[in-house]
Amino acid sequence: MSIRICVFDAYGTLFDVAAAAREAAGRPGSGNLSAVWRKLASDWRTKQLEYTWLRTVADAHTDFWTVTENALDWAMEASELADPELRERLLALYFELSAYPEVPDTLAKLRSAGFTTAILSNGEPNMLRGAVESAGVADLLNGILSAEDAGVFKPHRKVYELVGQRFGTQPHEVLFVSSNGWDAAHAAGFGFRSVWVNRANAPMDRLPWEPKQVVRDLSAIPDIAVRNDA
């Protein structure tokens, strides 16, 4: 069966989640952040993911913006950064995360080849729109799907079901791309043709499913979609 749509996770896949801390650290008035921004960025992302999973299993859903705030508060305390102004600066920058360099060209090639393109993310809709507009790729996407519409976070199957509900596709017609190994694995279990963008060269997660293909960045995705070998 042919691929009809290419669906991307957002954070870490299209947008660099470390960009907010990195950019804030390079601005005047960043205080002690310049010495610890890498740790803060890593802790912030780790807690952000952990809180989505913990809220999902506890049936205690909230929006992803609240999760992002909670995760940043933990990360700042862990780095001994008690600075309300810095907190607000970091949160504002999360709406302007940098896209990875290959993102515009990848999306443009997919659209030129006739594929529908979309985002499927845990992100809250306003967060996603902000990142998409800041990156200048809004015209290269046919849709932005948020887990908020499912009332639960990935990897719950209700989130992956949003693709078919929006675009009328069957799972095998979807090429799903994520930089999160667990996300790519669960998407494969759902029935998507899944590709893991392993930017960190990490080991494969030990889960019941595995992505069909592993790449280092997004540049190979248009060829994979055309060949339908994922």
N, C-alpha and C. Protein backbone atom coordinates (compact mmCIF):
# COMPACT_ATOMS: atom_id res chain seq x y z
N MET A 1 0.84 -1.20 0.00
CA MET A 1 0.00 0.00 0.00
C MET A 1 0.87 1.25 0.00
N SER A 2 0.40 2.30 -0.60
CA SER A 2 1.17 3.53 -0.73
C SER A 2 0.98 4.44 0.48
N ILE A 3 2.02 5.19 0.76
CA ILE A 3 1.95 6.22 1.79
C ILE A 3 1.14 7.40 1.25
N ARG A 4 0.21 7.87 2.04
CA ARG A 4 -0.57 9.04 1.65
C ARG A 4 -0.18 10.30 2.41
N ILE A 5 0.29 10.11 3.63
CA ILE A 5 0.55 11.25 4.50
C ILE A 5 1.81 11.01 5.33
N CYS A 6 2.58 12.06 5.51
CA CYS A 6 3.77 12.01 6.36
C CYS A 6 3.50 12.86 7.60
N VAL A 7 3.54 12.22 8.75
CA VAL A 7 3.19 12.86 10.02
C VAL A 7 4.42 12.92 10.90
N PHE A 8 4.67 14.09 11.46
CA PHE A 8 5.87 14.32 12.25
C PHE A 8 5.52 14.67 13.70
N ASP A 9 6.24 14.07 14.62
CA ASP A 9 6.26 14.61 15.97
C ASP A 9 6.89 16.00 15.90
N ALA A 10 6.64 16.84 16.88
CA ALA A 10 7.14 18.21 16.82
C ALA A 10 8.44 18.40 17.59
N TYR A 11 8.40 18.20 18.89
CA TYR A 11 9.52 18.58 19.76
C TYR A 11 10.63 17.54 19.73
N GLY A 12 11.80 17.98 19.30
CA GLY A 12 12.92 17.09 19.13
C GLY A 12 13.00 16.49 17.74
N THR A 13 11.90 16.55 17.00
CA THR A 13 11.84 16.01 15.64
C THR A 13 11.94 17.13 14.62
N LEU A 14 11.01 18.09 14.70
CA LEU A 14 11.07 19.27 13.85
C LEU A 14 11.76 20.44 14.55
N PHE A 15 11.52 20.56 15.86
CA PHE A 15 11.99 21.71 16.61
C PHE A 15 12.98 21.29 17.70
N ASP A 16 14.03 22.08 17.83
CA ASP A 16 15.11 21.80 18.77
C ASP A 16 14.70 22.20 20.18
N VAL A 17 14.45 21.22 21.04
CA VAL A 17 13.95 21.51 22.38
C VAL A 17 15.00 22.16 23.28
N ALA A 18 16.26 22.10 22.89
CA ALA A 18 17.31 22.75 23.66
C ALA A 18 17.47 24.22 23.29
N ALA A 19 16.78 24.67 22.25
CA ALA A 19 17.01 26.01 21.72
C ALA A 19 16.65 27.11 22.73
N ALA A 20 15.59 26.92 23.51
CA ALA A 20 15.17 27.97 24.44
C ALA A 20 16.27 28.24 25.47
N ALA A 21 16.79 27.19 26.10
CA ALA A 21 17.84 27.37 27.10
C ALA A 21 19.11 27.90 26.47
N ARG A 22 19.45 27.40 25.30
CA ARG A 22 20.67 27.84 24.62
C ARG A 22 20.60 29.32 24.26
N GLU A 23 19.47 29.73 23.71
CA GLU A 23 19.33 31.13 23.31
C GLU A 23 19.27 32.06 24.52
N ALA A 24 18.57 31.64 25.57
CA ALA A 24 18.49 32.46 26.77
C ALA A 24 19.87 32.61 27.41
N ALA A 25 20.67 31.57 27.37
CA ALA A 25 22.01 31.61 27.97
C ALA A 25 22.92 32.59 27.25
N GLY A 26 22.65 32.85 25.99
CA GLY A 26 23.48 33.75 25.22
C GLY A 26 23.06 35.20 25.26
N ARG A 27 22.00 35.50 26.00
CA ARG A 27 21.50 36.86 26.09
C ARG A 27 22.00 37.56 27.35
N PRO A 28 22.12 38.87 27.30
CA PRO A 28 22.51 39.61 28.51
C PRO A 28 21.53 39.36 29.65
N GLY A 29 22.03 39.33 30.85
CA GLY A 29 21.17 39.15 32.02
C GLY A 29 20.77 37.72 32.28
N SER A 30 21.49 36.76 31.66
CA SER A 30 21.13 35.36 31.84
C SER A 30 21.65 34.79 33.16
N GLY A 31 22.48 35.56 33.87
CA GLY A 31 22.97 35.12 35.17
C GLY A 31 23.77 33.83 35.09
N ASN A 32 23.44 32.89 35.97
CA ASN A 32 24.18 31.64 36.04
C ASN A 32 23.76 30.62 34.98
N LEU A 33 22.78 30.97 34.16
CA LEU A 33 22.30 30.02 33.17
C LEU A 33 23.38 29.59 32.19
N SER A 34 24.27 30.49 31.83
CA SER A 34 25.28 30.18 30.83
C SER A 34 26.14 28.98 31.23
N ALA A 35 26.30 28.76 32.53
CA ALA A 35 27.13 27.65 33.00
C ALA A 35 26.37 26.33 33.08
N VAL A 36 25.04 26.39 33.09
CA VAL A 36 24.26 25.17 33.34
C VAL A 36 23.17 24.94 32.30
N TRP A 37 23.18 25.69 31.20
CA TRP A 37 22.03 25.62 30.29
C TRP A 37 21.84 24.23 29.69
N ARG A 38 22.93 23.50 29.45
CA ARG A 38 22.79 22.15 28.89
C ARG A 38 22.08 21.22 29.87
N LYS A 39 22.48 21.31 31.14
CA LYS A 39 21.80 20.50 32.16
C LYS A 39 20.35 20.90 32.28
N LEU A 40 20.09 22.19 32.31
CA LEU A 40 18.71 22.65 32.44
C LEU A 40 17.86 22.17 31.27
N ALA A 41 18.39 22.29 30.05
CA ALA A 41 17.64 21.86 28.87
C ALA A 41 17.34 20.36 28.94
N SER A 42 18.33 19.57 29.36
CA SER A 42 18.13 18.13 29.45
C SER A 42 17.12 17.77 30.54
N ASP A 43 17.25 18.38 31.71
CA ASP A 43 16.31 18.12 32.80
C ASP A 43 14.90 18.56 32.43
N TRP A 44 14.80 19.70 31.80
CA TRP A 44 13.49 20.24 31.41
C TRP A 44 12.79 19.25 30.48
N ARG A 45 13.48 18.76 29.48
CA ARG A 45 12.88 17.83 28.52
C ARG A 45 12.56 16.49 29.19
N THR A 46 13.46 15.99 30.01
CA THR A 46 13.23 14.71 30.67
C THR A 46 11.98 14.77 31.55
N LYS A 47 11.87 15.80 32.36
CA LYS A 47 10.71 15.93 33.24
C LYS A 47 9.44 16.19 32.45
N GLN A 48 9.55 16.93 31.36
CA GLN A 48 8.39 17.17 30.51
C GLN A 48 7.80 15.85 30.02
N LEU A 49 8.65 14.96 29.54
CA LEU A 49 8.18 13.65 29.08
C LEU A 49 7.67 12.80 30.24
N GLU A 50 8.42 12.76 31.32
CA GLU A 50 8.00 11.95 32.46
C GLU A 50 6.63 12.37 32.97
N TYR A 51 6.39 13.68 33.04
CA TYR A 51 5.10 14.14 33.55
C TYR A 51 3.94 13.78 32.62
N THR A 52 4.19 13.75 31.30
CA THR A 52 3.11 13.32 30.41
C THR A 52 2.77 11.85 30.65
N TRP A 53 3.80 11.02 30.82
CA TRP A 53 3.54 9.60 31.06
C TRP A 53 2.85 9.38 32.41
N LEU A 54 3.34 10.05 33.45
CA LEU A 54 2.76 9.86 34.78
C LEU A 54 1.32 10.35 34.84
N ARG A 55 1.04 11.45 34.20
CA ARG A 55 -0.34 11.94 34.18
C ARG A 55 -1.24 11.02 33.38
N THR A 56 -0.70 10.43 32.33
CA THR A 56 -1.52 9.52 31.51
C THR A 56 -1.89 8.28 32.30
N VAL A 57 -0.91 7.64 32.95
CA VAL A 57 -1.23 6.41 33.68
C VAL A 57 -2.07 6.68 34.91
N ALA A 58 -2.01 7.90 35.45
CA ALA A 58 -2.80 8.25 36.63
C ALA A 58 -4.15 8.87 36.27
N ASP A 59 -4.44 8.97 34.96
CA ASP A 59 -5.67 9.60 34.49
C ASP A 59 -5.82 11.00 35.09
N ALA A 60 -4.74 11.76 35.02
CA ALA A 60 -4.71 13.12 35.59
C ALA A 60 -4.25 14.10 34.52
N HIS A 61 -4.96 14.14 33.42
CA HIS A 61 -4.54 14.94 32.27
C HIS A 61 -4.61 16.44 32.56
N THR A 62 -3.64 17.14 32.00
CA THR A 62 -3.68 18.59 31.95
C THR A 62 -3.07 18.98 30.61
N ASP A 63 -3.10 20.25 30.27
CA ASP A 63 -2.55 20.65 28.98
C ASP A 63 -1.02 20.64 29.01
N PHE A 64 -0.43 20.53 27.83
CA PHE A 64 1.02 20.38 27.72
C PHE A 64 1.76 21.64 28.16
N TRP A 65 1.12 22.78 28.10
CA TRP A 65 1.76 24.00 28.58
C TRP A 65 1.99 23.93 30.09
N THR A 66 1.00 23.44 30.82
CA THR A 66 1.16 23.26 32.27
C THR A 66 2.27 22.27 32.56
N VAL A 67 2.32 21.18 31.81
CA VAL A 67 3.40 20.21 31.98
C VAL A 67 4.76 20.86 31.72
N THR A 68 4.84 21.69 30.70
CA THR A 68 6.08 22.37 30.36
C THR A 68 6.52 23.31 31.47
N GLU A 69 5.56 24.04 32.04
CA GLU A 69 5.87 24.92 33.17
C GLU A 69 6.35 24.12 34.38
N ASN A 70 5.64 23.05 34.71
CA ASN A 70 6.02 22.22 35.86
C ASN A 70 7.42 21.64 35.68
N ALA A 71 7.71 21.19 34.47
CA ALA A 71 9.02 20.59 34.19
C ALA A 71 10.13 21.64 34.30
N LEU A 72 9.86 22.85 33.82
CA LEU A 72 10.87 23.91 33.93
C LEU A 72 11.10 24.28 35.39
N ASP A 73 10.06 24.35 36.17
CA ASP A 73 10.23 24.68 37.59
C ASP A 73 11.12 23.65 38.28
N TRP A 74 10.92 22.38 37.97
CA TRP A 74 11.77 21.33 38.55
C TRP A 74 13.21 21.51 38.09
N ALA A 75 13.38 21.74 36.79
CA ALA A 75 14.73 21.85 36.23
C ALA A 75 15.47 23.06 36.77
N MET A 76 14.77 24.17 36.94
CA MET A 76 15.42 25.36 37.49
C MET A 76 15.83 25.14 38.94
N GLU A 77 14.98 24.51 39.70
CA GLU A 77 15.35 24.23 41.09
C GLU A 77 16.55 23.28 41.16
N ALA A 78 16.57 22.29 40.27
CA ALA A 78 17.68 21.33 40.25
C ALA A 78 19.01 22.01 39.91
N SER A 79 18.94 23.11 39.15
CA SER A 79 20.14 23.86 38.79
C SER A 79 20.34 25.09 39.66
N GLU A 80 19.53 25.19 40.72
CA GLU A 80 19.63 26.29 41.68
C GLU A 80 19.50 27.65 40.99
N LEU A 81 18.49 27.75 40.13
CA LEU A 81 18.20 29.00 39.42
C LEU A 81 16.86 29.53 39.94
N ALA A 82 16.90 30.42 40.89
CA ALA A 82 15.69 31.03 41.44
C ALA A 82 15.56 32.43 40.83
N ASP A 83 15.01 32.50 39.64
CA ASP A 83 14.98 33.75 38.88
C ASP A 83 13.67 33.82 38.10
N PRO A 84 12.63 34.48 38.63
CA PRO A 84 11.34 34.55 37.95
C PRO A 84 11.41 35.16 36.55
N GLU A 85 12.26 36.15 36.37
CA GLU A 85 12.37 36.76 35.05
C GLU A 85 12.97 35.79 34.04
N LEU A 86 13.96 35.03 34.45
CA LEU A 86 14.55 34.02 33.58
C LEU A 86 13.52 32.96 33.24
N ARG A 87 12.72 32.57 34.21
CA ARG A 87 11.66 31.58 33.96
C ARG A 87 10.72 32.06 32.86
N GLU A 88 10.28 33.30 32.96
CA GLU A 88 9.37 33.84 31.94
C GLU A 88 10.04 33.93 30.58
N ARG A 89 11.34 34.26 30.58
CA ARG A 89 12.06 34.36 29.32
C ARG A 89 12.16 32.99 28.65
N LEU A 90 12.46 31.97 29.43
CA LEU A 90 12.57 30.62 28.90
C LEU A 90 11.23 30.13 28.35
N LEU A 91 10.17 30.40 29.07
CA LEU A 91 8.85 29.96 28.61
C LEU A 91 8.45 30.68 27.32
N ALA A 92 8.76 31.96 27.23
CA ALA A 92 8.45 32.70 26.01
C ALA A 92 9.22 32.14 24.82
N LEU A 93 10.47 31.78 25.05
CA LEU A 93 11.30 31.24 23.97
C LEU A 93 10.80 29.88 23.49
N TYR A 94 10.05 29.18 24.32
CA TYR A 94 9.54 27.87 23.90
C TYR A 94 8.52 28.00 22.77
N PHE A 95 7.95 29.19 22.63
CA PHE A 95 7.05 29.44 21.50
C PHE A 95 7.82 29.75 20.22
N GLU A 96 9.14 29.90 20.34
CA GLU A 96 9.96 30.29 19.19
C GLU A 96 11.12 29.32 18.98
N LEU A 97 10.91 28.07 19.28
CA LEU A 97 11.98 27.09 19.14
C LEU A 97 12.49 27.03 17.70
N SER A 98 13.79 26.91 17.56
CA SER A 98 14.38 26.82 16.23
C SER A 98 14.06 25.46 15.61
N ALA A 99 13.77 25.48 14.31
CA ALA A 99 13.63 24.22 13.58
C ALA A 99 15.02 23.70 13.22
N TYR A 100 15.15 22.40 13.11
CA TYR A 100 16.40 21.83 12.64
C TYR A 100 16.64 22.27 11.20
N PRO A 101 17.89 22.39 10.78
CA PRO A 101 18.20 22.98 9.47
C PRO A 101 17.53 22.30 8.29
N GLU A 102 17.34 20.97 8.35
CA GLU A 102 16.81 20.25 7.20
C GLU A 102 15.29 20.27 7.11
N VAL A 103 14.62 20.86 8.12
CA VAL A 103 13.16 20.78 8.18
C VAL A 103 12.46 21.43 6.99
N PRO A 104 12.75 22.70 6.65
CA PRO A 104 12.02 23.32 5.52
C PRO A 104 12.18 22.55 4.21
N ASP A 105 13.40 22.12 3.91
CA ASP A 105 13.63 21.41 2.66
C ASP A 105 12.92 20.06 2.65
N THR A 106 12.93 19.37 3.78
CA THR A 106 12.25 18.08 3.88
C THR A 106 10.76 18.22 3.63
N LEU A 107 10.14 19.18 4.29
CA LEU A 107 8.71 19.38 4.11
C LEU A 107 8.37 19.84 2.69
N ALA A 108 9.21 20.70 2.13
CA ALA A 108 8.96 21.19 0.77
C ALA A 108 9.04 20.04 -0.24
N LYS A 109 10.01 19.16 -0.08
CA LYS A 109 10.15 18.02 -1.00
C LYS A 109 8.95 17.08 -0.89
N LEU A 110 8.48 16.86 0.32
CA LEU A 110 7.31 16.00 0.50
C LEU A 110 6.08 16.60 -0.17
N ARG A 111 5.88 17.89 0.02
CA ARG A 111 4.73 18.54 -0.60
C ARG A 111 4.85 18.51 -2.12
N SER A 112 6.05 18.74 -2.63
CA SER A 112 6.25 18.72 -4.08
C SER A 112 5.98 17.33 -4.66
N ALA A 113 6.25 16.29 -3.86
CA ALA A 113 6.01 14.92 -4.31
C ALA A 113 4.56 14.50 -4.15
N GLY A 114 3.73 15.37 -3.62
CA GLY A 114 2.30 15.10 -3.53
C GLY A 114 1.82 14.53 -2.21
N PHE A 115 2.69 14.51 -1.20
CA PHE A 115 2.29 13.98 0.08
C PHE A 115 1.61 15.04 0.94
N THR A 116 0.63 14.61 1.71
CA THR A 116 0.08 15.45 2.77
C THR A 116 1.07 15.43 3.92
N THR A 117 1.24 16.57 4.59
CA THR A 117 2.17 16.66 5.72
C THR A 117 1.45 17.21 6.93
N ALA A 118 1.80 16.70 8.09
CA ALA A 118 1.13 17.14 9.31
C ALA A 118 2.02 16.91 10.52
N ILE A 119 1.68 17.58 11.60
CA ILE A 119 2.30 17.38 12.91
C ILE A 119 1.31 16.64 13.80
N LEU A 120 1.81 15.68 14.57
CA LEU A 120 1.04 15.04 15.63
C LEU A 120 1.88 15.11 16.89
N SER A 121 1.45 15.93 17.83
CA SER A 121 2.29 16.25 18.98
C SER A 121 1.48 16.28 20.27
N ASN A 122 2.18 16.05 21.38
CA ASN A 122 1.59 16.30 22.69
C ASN A 122 1.36 17.78 22.93
N GLY A 123 2.02 18.62 22.15
CA GLY A 123 1.98 20.06 22.38
C GLY A 123 0.59 20.65 22.37
N GLU A 124 0.42 21.65 23.19
CA GLU A 124 -0.83 22.42 23.22
C GLU A 124 -0.93 23.23 21.93
N PRO A 125 -2.12 23.40 21.36
CA PRO A 125 -2.25 24.02 20.04
C PRO A 125 -1.56 25.37 19.89
N ASN A 126 -1.68 26.25 20.87
CA ASN A 126 -1.04 27.56 20.75
C ASN A 126 0.48 27.44 20.72
N MET A 127 1.03 26.52 21.49
CA MET A 127 2.47 26.27 21.48
C MET A 127 2.92 25.83 20.10
N LEU A 128 2.19 24.90 19.53
CA LEU A 128 2.56 24.36 18.23
C LEU A 128 2.46 25.41 17.13
N ARG A 129 1.40 26.19 17.17
CA ARG A 129 1.26 27.25 16.16
C ARG A 129 2.39 28.26 16.27
N GLY A 130 2.77 28.59 17.50
CA GLY A 130 3.86 29.53 17.70
C GLY A 130 5.17 29.02 17.11
N ALA A 131 5.48 27.75 17.36
CA ALA A 131 6.72 27.17 16.85
C ALA A 131 6.69 27.08 15.33
N VAL A 132 5.57 26.68 14.78
CA VAL A 132 5.44 26.54 13.33
C VAL A 132 5.59 27.89 12.63
N GLU A 133 4.94 28.90 13.18
CA GLU A 133 5.03 30.23 12.57
C GLU A 133 6.42 30.81 12.73
N SER A 134 7.04 30.61 13.89
CA SER A 134 8.38 31.12 14.11
C SER A 134 9.38 30.48 13.16
N ALA A 135 9.19 29.20 12.86
CA ALA A 135 10.09 28.48 11.96
C ALA A 135 9.79 28.76 10.50
N GLY A 136 8.67 29.39 10.21
CA GLY A 136 8.33 29.73 8.84
C GLY A 136 7.91 28.54 7.99
N VAL A 137 7.31 27.51 8.61
CA VAL A 137 6.94 26.32 7.85
C VAL A 137 5.42 26.09 7.81
N ALA A 138 4.66 27.08 8.21
CA ALA A 138 3.20 26.90 8.25
C ALA A 138 2.63 26.53 6.89
N ASP A 139 3.17 27.12 5.81
CA ASP A 139 2.65 26.85 4.47
C ASP A 139 3.04 25.47 3.96
N LEU A 140 3.91 24.78 4.67
CA LEU A 140 4.37 23.46 4.24
C LEU A 140 3.66 22.33 4.99
N LEU A 141 2.67 22.68 5.82
CA LEU A 141 1.94 21.70 6.60
C LEU A 141 0.46 21.76 6.28
N ASN A 142 -0.16 20.58 6.16
CA ASN A 142 -1.60 20.51 5.92
C ASN A 142 -2.41 20.46 7.20
N GLY A 143 -1.74 20.22 8.31
CA GLY A 143 -2.47 20.16 9.56
C GLY A 143 -1.55 20.08 10.76
N ILE A 144 -2.06 20.54 11.90
CA ILE A 144 -1.35 20.45 13.17
C ILE A 144 -2.30 19.78 14.15
N LEU A 145 -1.97 18.56 14.53
CA LEU A 145 -2.82 17.78 15.42
C LEU A 145 -2.22 17.76 16.81
N SER A 146 -3.05 18.07 17.80
CA SER A 146 -2.60 18.12 19.18
C SER A 146 -3.26 17.03 20.01
N ALA A 147 -2.48 16.46 20.92
CA ALA A 147 -3.03 15.46 21.84
C ALA A 147 -4.15 16.02 22.70
N GLU A 148 -4.25 17.34 22.79
CA GLU A 148 -5.35 17.94 23.55
C GLU A 148 -6.70 17.49 23.02
N ASP A 149 -6.79 17.21 21.72
CA ASP A 149 -8.05 16.76 21.14
C ASP A 149 -8.40 15.35 21.56
N ALA A 150 -7.42 14.60 22.06
CA ALA A 150 -7.67 13.25 22.55
C ALA A 150 -7.85 13.23 24.07
N GLY A 151 -7.42 14.29 24.74
CA GLY A 151 -7.54 14.36 26.19
C GLY A 151 -6.57 13.45 26.92
N VAL A 152 -5.49 13.07 26.23
CA VAL A 152 -4.50 12.17 26.80
C VAL A 152 -3.22 12.34 26.00
N PHE A 153 -2.09 11.96 26.56
CA PHE A 153 -0.81 12.13 25.87
C PHE A 153 -0.36 10.85 25.16
N LYS A 154 0.52 11.02 24.18
CA LYS A 154 1.22 9.86 23.61
C LYS A 154 2.02 9.16 24.70
N PRO A 155 2.10 7.84 24.63
CA PRO A 155 1.77 6.99 23.49
C PRO A 155 0.38 6.35 23.51
N HIS A 156 -0.60 6.95 24.14
CA HIS A 156 -1.95 6.38 24.13
C HIS A 156 -2.45 6.33 22.69
N ARG A 157 -3.10 5.26 22.34
CA ARG A 157 -3.53 5.06 20.96
C ARG A 157 -4.55 6.12 20.51
N LYS A 158 -5.27 6.72 21.47
CA LYS A 158 -6.23 7.76 21.10
C LYS A 158 -5.55 8.92 20.38
N VAL A 159 -4.29 9.17 20.72
CA VAL A 159 -3.56 10.26 20.05
C VAL A 159 -3.25 9.88 18.61
N TYR A 160 -2.77 8.66 18.38
CA TYR A 160 -2.47 8.24 17.02
C TYR A 160 -3.73 8.14 16.16
N GLU A 161 -4.85 7.86 16.80
CA GLU A 161 -6.12 7.79 16.06
C GLU A 161 -6.54 9.13 15.48
N LEU A 162 -6.01 10.22 16.01
CA LEU A 162 -6.37 11.55 15.51
C LEU A 162 -6.03 11.71 14.03
N VAL A 163 -4.98 11.03 13.57
CA VAL A 163 -4.58 11.16 12.16
C VAL A 163 -5.68 10.66 11.24
N GLY A 164 -6.16 9.45 11.49
CA GLY A 164 -7.23 8.90 10.66
C GLY A 164 -8.51 9.70 10.77
N GLN A 165 -8.81 10.19 11.96
CA GLN A 165 -10.01 10.99 12.14
C GLN A 165 -9.96 12.28 11.33
N ARG A 166 -8.79 12.87 11.25
CA ARG A 166 -8.64 14.14 10.52
C ARG A 166 -8.51 13.94 9.01
N PHE A 167 -7.74 12.94 8.60
CA PHE A 167 -7.40 12.82 7.18
C PHE A 167 -8.04 11.62 6.48
N GLY A 168 -8.76 10.79 7.23
CA GLY A 168 -9.44 9.66 6.61
C GLY A 168 -8.50 8.58 6.13
N THR A 169 -7.36 8.43 6.78
CA THR A 169 -6.36 7.45 6.38
C THR A 169 -6.43 6.20 7.24
N GLN A 170 -5.93 5.11 6.68
CA GLN A 170 -5.70 3.90 7.44
C GLN A 170 -4.27 3.95 7.99
N PRO A 171 -4.00 3.30 9.12
CA PRO A 171 -2.65 3.38 9.70
C PRO A 171 -1.52 3.05 8.73
N HIS A 172 -1.71 2.04 7.86
CA HIS A 172 -0.62 1.64 6.96
C HIS A 172 -0.35 2.68 5.87
N GLU A 173 -1.22 3.68 5.75
CA GLU A 173 -1.02 4.74 4.76
C GLU A 173 -0.26 5.93 5.34
N VAL A 174 0.13 5.81 6.60
CA VAL A 174 0.78 6.91 7.32
C VAL A 174 2.26 6.60 7.54
N LEU A 175 3.11 7.51 7.12
CA LEU A 175 4.53 7.47 7.49
C LEU A 175 4.69 8.39 8.69
N PHE A 176 5.02 7.79 9.82
CA PHE A 176 5.13 8.56 11.06
C PHE A 176 6.59 8.71 11.44
N VAL A 177 7.00 9.93 11.76
CA VAL A 177 8.41 10.25 12.00
C VAL A 177 8.56 10.90 13.37
N SER A 178 9.42 10.33 14.21
CA SER A 178 9.63 10.90 15.54
C SER A 178 11.07 10.71 15.97
N SER A 179 11.58 11.68 16.72
CA SER A 179 12.92 11.56 17.30
C SER A 179 12.89 10.84 18.64
N ASN A 180 11.71 10.56 19.15
CA ASN A 180 11.55 9.83 20.40
C ASN A 180 11.41 8.34 20.09
N GLY A 181 12.37 7.54 20.54
CA GLY A 181 12.33 6.12 20.23
C GLY A 181 11.06 5.45 20.70
N TRP A 182 10.60 5.80 21.90
CA TRP A 182 9.38 5.20 22.43
C TRP A 182 8.16 5.57 21.59
N ASP A 183 8.15 6.79 21.06
CA ASP A 183 7.04 7.27 20.23
C ASP A 183 7.03 6.52 18.90
N ALA A 184 8.19 6.42 18.28
CA ALA A 184 8.28 5.68 17.01
C ALA A 184 7.90 4.22 17.20
N ALA A 185 8.27 3.63 18.33
CA ALA A 185 7.93 2.23 18.60
C ALA A 185 6.43 2.06 18.78
N HIS A 186 5.82 2.89 19.60
CA HIS A 186 4.38 2.77 19.83
C HIS A 186 3.59 3.07 18.57
N ALA A 187 4.07 4.01 17.75
CA ALA A 187 3.40 4.29 16.49
C ALA A 187 3.44 3.07 15.57
N ALA A 188 4.57 2.35 15.58
CA ALA A 188 4.67 1.11 14.81
C ALA A 188 3.67 0.09 15.34
N GLY A 189 3.53 0.00 16.66
CA GLY A 189 2.57 -0.91 17.24
C GLY A 189 1.14 -0.56 16.88
N PHE A 190 0.89 0.73 16.67
CA PHE A 190 -0.45 1.18 16.26
C PHE A 190 -0.73 0.80 14.80
N GLY A 191 0.32 0.64 14.02
CA GLY A 191 0.13 0.28 12.63
C GLY A 191 0.70 1.25 11.63
N PHE A 192 1.25 2.37 12.11
CA PHE A 192 1.90 3.32 11.22
C PHE A 192 3.20 2.73 10.68
N ARG A 193 3.63 3.19 9.52
CA ARG A 193 4.98 2.92 9.04
C ARG A 193 5.87 3.96 9.71
N SER A 194 6.67 3.51 10.61
CA SER A 194 7.32 4.39 11.56
C SER A 194 8.82 4.51 11.31
N VAL A 195 9.31 5.74 11.40
CA VAL A 195 10.74 6.02 11.27
C VAL A 195 11.20 6.75 12.52
N TRP A 196 12.29 6.28 13.10
CA TRP A 196 12.89 6.92 14.26
C TRP A 196 14.05 7.79 13.80
N VAL A 197 13.98 9.07 14.12
CA VAL A 197 15.07 9.99 13.85
C VAL A 197 15.97 9.99 15.08
N ASN A 198 16.99 9.19 15.04
CA ASN A 198 17.85 8.96 16.20
C ASN A 198 18.99 9.98 16.20
N ARG A 199 18.66 11.22 16.54
CA ARG A 199 19.64 12.30 16.51
C ARG A 199 20.76 12.08 17.53
N ALA A 200 20.48 11.42 18.61
CA ALA A 200 21.46 11.25 19.69
C ALA A 200 22.23 9.94 19.59
N ASN A 201 21.98 9.15 18.55
CA ASN A 201 22.63 7.85 18.40
C ASN A 201 22.42 6.98 19.64
N ALA A 202 21.19 6.95 20.12
CA ALA A 202 20.82 6.20 21.32
C ALA A 202 20.50 4.75 20.99
N PRO A 203 20.55 3.85 21.98
CA PRO A 203 20.16 2.46 21.75
C PRO A 203 18.65 2.36 21.48
N MET A 204 18.26 1.28 20.84
CA MET A 204 16.84 1.02 20.59
C MET A 204 16.13 0.73 21.91
N ASP A 205 14.97 1.33 22.12
CA ASP A 205 14.19 1.04 23.31
C ASP A 205 13.72 -0.40 23.31
N ARG A 206 13.72 -1.00 24.48
CA ARG A 206 13.27 -2.38 24.64
C ARG A 206 11.76 -2.39 24.86
N LEU A 207 11.04 -2.41 23.76
CA LEU A 207 9.58 -2.39 23.78
C LEU A 207 9.07 -3.50 22.86
N PRO A 208 7.77 -3.80 22.93
CA PRO A 208 7.25 -4.89 22.09
C PRO A 208 7.32 -4.60 20.59
N TRP A 209 7.53 -3.34 20.21
CA TRP A 209 7.54 -2.97 18.80
C TRP A 209 8.80 -2.17 18.50
N GLU A 210 9.17 -2.12 17.23
CA GLU A 210 10.30 -1.31 16.81
C GLU A 210 9.93 -0.53 15.56
N PRO A 211 10.48 0.67 15.39
CA PRO A 211 10.27 1.39 14.13
C PRO A 211 10.86 0.59 12.98
N LYS A 212 10.29 0.79 11.80
CA LYS A 212 10.75 0.04 10.63
C LYS A 212 12.11 0.51 10.14
N GLN A 213 12.42 1.78 10.41
CA GLN A 213 13.67 2.33 9.90
C GLN A 213 14.21 3.36 10.87
N VAL A 214 15.53 3.50 10.89
CA VAL A 214 16.20 4.47 11.76
C VAL A 214 17.09 5.35 10.89
N VAL A 215 16.99 6.68 11.09
CA VAL A 215 17.81 7.64 10.36
C VAL A 215 18.39 8.62 11.36
N ARG A 216 19.38 9.39 10.92
CA ARG A 216 20.04 10.34 11.81
C ARG A 216 19.41 11.73 11.75
N ASP A 217 18.76 12.09 10.64
CA ASP A 217 18.06 13.36 10.54
C ASP A 217 16.92 13.19 9.55
N LEU A 218 16.26 14.27 9.21
CA LEU A 218 15.06 14.18 8.38
C LEU A 218 15.32 14.18 6.89
N SER A 219 16.56 14.37 6.48
CA SER A 219 16.83 14.56 5.07
C SER A 219 16.46 13.35 4.21
N ALA A 220 16.45 12.15 4.79
CA ALA A 220 16.13 10.95 4.02
C ALA A 220 14.63 10.68 3.93
N ILE A 221 13.82 11.40 4.67
CA ILE A 221 12.39 11.10 4.74
C ILE A 221 11.68 11.19 3.39
N PRO A 222 11.92 12.20 2.56
CA PRO A 222 11.23 12.22 1.26
C PRO A 222 11.51 10.98 0.42
N ASP A 223 12.75 10.51 0.38
CA ASP A 223 13.06 9.30 -0.39
C ASP A 223 12.39 8.07 0.21
N ILE A 224 12.36 8.00 1.54
CA ILE A 224 11.69 6.87 2.20
C ILE A 224 10.20 6.87 1.87
N ALA A 225 9.58 8.03 1.89
CA ALA A 225 8.16 8.12 1.59
C ALA A 225 7.86 7.69 0.16
N VAL A 226 8.72 8.13 -0.76
CA VAL A 226 8.52 7.78 -2.17
C VAL A 226 8.69 6.28 -2.40
N ARG A 227 9.70 5.68 -1.76
CA ARG A 227 9.98 4.27 -1.93
C ARG A 227 8.99 3.38 -1.17
N ASN A 228 8.33 3.97 -0.16
CA ASN A 228 7.36 3.21 0.64
C ASN A 228 7.99 1.98 1.30
N ASP A 229 9.27 2.11 1.72
CA ASP A 229 9.91 0.95 2.30
C ASP A 229 10.05 1.02 3.80
N ALA A 230 9.39 1.97 4.42
CA ALA A 230 9.44 2.06 5.88
C ALA A 230 8.48 1.06 6.51
